[in-house]
Amino acid sequence: MFDLDMFTDGLGLLLKGKLFLDSAFVFRQAILGILIGAFALVCLGKLGVPMTFAVPAAALFAGMLQPLLFKDIKFR
């Protein structure tokens, strides 16, 4: 069900900078996703939406953006 060897190999490649062809692109897209999620949370908070609804809604929105942000990732 969960392959620990594959996880540790992937993590090792990520930390060495050898998992992605363009690591800067991946980190830039991740930062963009985090900023969009934070912006959605702040906007919902400013609208007076209770935090018990705003946090899951912003997380869902940011999570739905991930496939769009990471569609062009190239692996080694």
Protein backbone atom coordinates (compact mmCIF):
# COMPACT_ATOMS: atom_id res chain seq x y z
CA MET A 1 0.00 0.00 0.00
CA PHE A 2 2.73 2.49 0.96
CA ASP A 3 6.17 1.85 -0.49
CA LEU A 4 8.64 3.31 2.00
CA ASP A 5 11.63 2.70 -0.29
CA MET A 6 10.05 4.67 -3.13
CA PHE A 7 9.24 7.50 -0.73
CA THR A 8 12.76 7.69 0.68
CA ASP A 9 14.32 7.47 -2.80
CA GLY A 10 12.09 10.29 -4.05
CA LEU A 11 12.80 12.39 -0.98
CA GLY A 12 16.53 11.83 -1.37
CA LEU A 13 16.41 12.92 -5.02
CA LEU A 14 14.34 15.97 -4.08
CA LEU A 15 16.79 17.04 -1.41
CA LYS A 16 19.76 16.53 -3.75
CA GLY A 17 18.01 18.61 -6.44
CA LYS A 18 17.90 15.72 -8.92
CA LEU A 19 14.16 14.90 -8.97
CA PHE A 20 12.94 17.67 -11.26
CA LEU A 21 14.46 18.91 -14.49
CA ASP A 22 13.86 22.53 -13.43
CA SER A 23 13.67 22.75 -9.64
CA ALA A 24 13.32 26.54 -9.71
CA PHE A 25 10.11 26.20 -11.74
CA VAL A 26 8.65 23.70 -9.26
CA PHE A 27 9.45 25.88 -6.24
CA ARG A 28 8.17 29.00 -8.00
CA GLN A 29 4.86 27.27 -8.76
CA ALA A 30 4.62 25.99 -5.17
CA ILE A 31 5.14 29.52 -3.81
CA LEU A 32 2.52 30.82 -6.24
CA GLY A 33 0.03 28.22 -4.99
CA ILE A 34 0.75 29.11 -1.36
CA LEU A 35 0.29 32.82 -2.06
CA ILE A 36 -2.99 32.26 -3.91
CA GLY A 37 -4.30 30.13 -1.02
CA ALA A 38 -3.25 32.76 1.53
CA PHE A 39 -4.87 35.51 -0.57
CA ALA A 40 -8.12 33.50 -0.74
CA LEU A 41 -8.03 33.03 3.04
CA VAL A 42 -7.46 36.74 3.67
CA CYS A 43 -10.25 37.69 1.25
CA LEU A 44 -12.70 35.31 2.90
CA GLY A 45 -11.67 36.66 6.32
CA LYS A 46 -12.22 40.26 5.17
CA LEU A 47 -15.67 39.30 3.92
CA GLY A 48 -16.56 38.21 7.45
CA VAL A 49 -16.69 34.49 6.73
CA PRO A 50 -16.07 32.48 9.92
CA MET A 51 -12.60 30.94 10.04
CA THR A 52 -14.10 27.47 10.52
CA PHE A 53 -15.41 27.80 6.95
CA ALA A 54 -12.76 30.10 5.44
CA VAL A 55 -9.76 27.87 6.16
CA PRO A 56 -11.17 24.68 4.57
CA ALA A 57 -12.58 26.68 1.64
CA ALA A 58 -9.23 28.38 0.93
CA ALA A 59 -7.40 25.05 1.29
CA LEU A 60 -9.82 23.38 -1.11
CA PHE A 61 -9.41 26.22 -3.61
CA ALA A 62 -5.62 26.11 -3.39
CA GLY A 63 -5.63 22.32 -3.66
CA MET A 64 -7.78 22.47 -6.76
CA LEU A 65 -5.21 24.79 -8.37
CA GLN A 66 -2.33 22.35 -7.86
CA PRO A 67 -2.93 20.27 -11.02
CA LEU A 68 -3.00 23.45 -13.08
CA LEU A 69 0.14 24.83 -11.47
CA PHE A 70 2.12 21.61 -11.75
CA LYS A 71 0.95 20.32 -15.15
CA ASP A 72 4.23 21.22 -16.89
CA ILE A 73 6.65 19.59 -14.42
CA LYS A 74 9.36 17.52 -16.02
CA PHE A 75 11.08 14.77 -14.05
CA ARG A 76 14.57 13.39 -14.61
